[in-house]
C-alpha atoms as a PDB file:
ATOM      1  CA  UNK A   1      -7.549  24.814   4.276  1.00  0.00           C
ATOM      2  CA  UNK A   2      -5.994  26.307   7.398  1.00  0.00           C
ATOM      3  CA  UNK A   3      -3.368  29.023   7.309  1.00  0.00           C
ATOM      4  CA  UNK A   4      -0.371  28.524   9.582  1.00  0.00           C
ATOM      5  CA  UNK A   5       1.294  31.708  10.764  1.00  0.00           C
ATOM      6  CA  UNK A   6       3.526  33.094  13.486  1.00  0.00           C
ATOM      7  CA  UNK A   7       3.269  36.415  15.288  1.00  0.00           C
ATOM      8  CA  UNK A   8       5.529  39.194  14.066  1.00  0.00           C
ATOM      9  CA  UNK A   9       7.244  39.409  17.473  1.00  0.00           C
ATOM     10  CA  UNK A  10       8.105  35.679  17.574  1.00  0.00           C
ATOM     11  CA  UNK A  11      11.766  36.321  16.802  1.00  0.00           C
ATOM     12  CA  UNK A  12      14.294  33.554  17.258  1.00  0.00           C
ATOM     13  CA  UNK A  13      17.057  34.471  19.672  1.00  0.00           C
ATOM     14  CA  UNK A  14      20.675  33.535  19.003  1.00  0.00           C
ATOM     15  CA  UNK A  15      20.809  30.994  21.862  1.00  0.00           C
ATOM     16  CA  UNK A  16      17.580  29.095  21.097  1.00  0.00           C
ATOM     17  CA  UNK A  17      16.596  26.441  18.587  1.00  0.00           C
ATOM     18  CA  UNK A  18      14.354  27.463  15.692  1.00  0.00           C
ATOM     19  CA  UNK A  19      12.472  24.135  15.652  1.00  0.00           C
ATOM     20  CA  UNK A  20      12.095  21.171  17.984  1.00  0.00           C
ATOM     21  CA  UNK A  21      13.424  17.709  17.205  1.00  0.00           C
ATOM     22  CA  UNK A  22      10.965  14.902  16.285  1.00  0.00           C
ATOM     23  CA  UNK A  23       8.002  17.258  15.798  1.00  0.00           C
ATOM     24  CA  UNK A  24       6.005  17.268  12.523  1.00  0.00           C
ATOM     25  CA  UNK A  25       6.716  20.318  10.353  1.00  0.00           C
ATOM     26  CA  UNK A  26       3.895  22.743   9.582  1.00  0.00           C
ATOM     27  CA  UNK A  27       3.743  25.332   6.814  1.00  0.00           C
ATOM     28  CA  UNK A  28       5.003  28.131   9.072  1.00  0.00           C
ATOM     29  CA  UNK A  29       7.988  25.959  10.018  1.00  0.00           C
ATOM     30  CA  UNK A  30       9.028  25.785   6.358  1.00  0.00           C
ATOM     31  CA  UNK A  31       9.200  29.574   6.333  1.00  0.00           C
ATOM     32  CA  UNK A  32      11.457  29.482   9.393  1.00  0.00           C
ATOM     33  CA  UNK A  33      13.718  26.966   7.661  1.00  0.00           C
ATOM     34  CA  UNK A  34      13.918  29.237   4.618  1.00  0.00           C
ATOM     35  CA  UNK A  35      14.832  32.202   6.833  1.00  0.00           C
ATOM     36  CA  UNK A  36      17.410  30.412   8.977  1.00  0.00           C
ATOM     37  CA  UNK A  37      18.959  28.619   5.998  1.00  0.00           C
ATOM     38  CA  UNK A  38      20.347  25.404   7.485  1.00  0.00           C
ATOM     39  CA  UNK A  39      22.719  23.353   5.339  1.00  0.00           C
ATOM     40  CA  UNK A  40      21.147  19.979   6.132  1.00  0.00           C
ATOM     41  CA  UNK A  41      17.709  18.934   7.366  1.00  0.00           C
ATOM     42  CA  UNK A  42      17.027  15.345   8.421  1.00  0.00           C
ATOM     43  CA  UNK A  43      13.397  14.365   7.815  1.00  0.00           C
ATOM     44  CA  UNK A  44      11.439  11.131   8.051  1.00  0.00           C
ATOM     45  CA  UNK A  45       8.383   9.923   6.166  1.00  0.00           C
ATOM     46  CA  UNK A  46       5.179   9.557   8.125  1.00  0.00           C
ATOM     47  CA  UNK A  47       4.713   5.891   8.994  1.00  0.00           C
ATOM     48  CA  UNK A  48       1.633   4.158   7.593  1.00  0.00           C
ATOM     49  CA  UNK A  49       0.603   0.639   8.651  1.00  0.00           C
ATOM     50  CA  UNK A  50      -2.075  -1.520   7.027  1.00  0.00           C
ATOM     51  CA  UNK A  51      -3.288  -4.843   8.441  1.00  0.00           C
ATOM     52  CA  UNK A  52      -5.014  -7.259   6.066  1.00  0.00           C
ATOM     53  CA  UNK A  53      -6.895 -10.321   7.302  1.00  0.00           C
ATOM     54  CA  UNK A  54      -7.193 -13.390   5.066  1.00  0.00           C
ATOM     55  CA  UNK A  55      -9.860 -15.280   7.056  1.00  0.00           C
ATOM     56  CA  UNK A  56     -13.198 -14.576   8.754  1.00  0.00           C
ATOM     57  CA  UNK A  57     -11.497 -13.420  11.944  1.00  0.00           C
ATOM     58  CA  UNK A  58     -12.977 -16.207  14.095  1.00  0.00           C
ATOM     59  CA  UNK A  59     -10.750 -17.974  16.608  1.00  0.00           C
ATOM     60  CA  UNK A  60     -10.247 -21.637  15.742  1.00  0.00           C
ATOM     61  CA  UNK A  61     -10.363 -24.491  18.312  1.00  0.00           C
END
């Protein structure tokens, strides 16, 4: 298990974004969200794709 952390001097300035858009959240990012306290957070599930084959996989003539 890895521990995600941020340096103590990694303060967020008033004119910058706390997190980037379309980037997976890590544990340290959840702490930032708790500190900043946004009203709404839009998140998406991680996409998972499975391909099932019903035949032997050989190309037919």
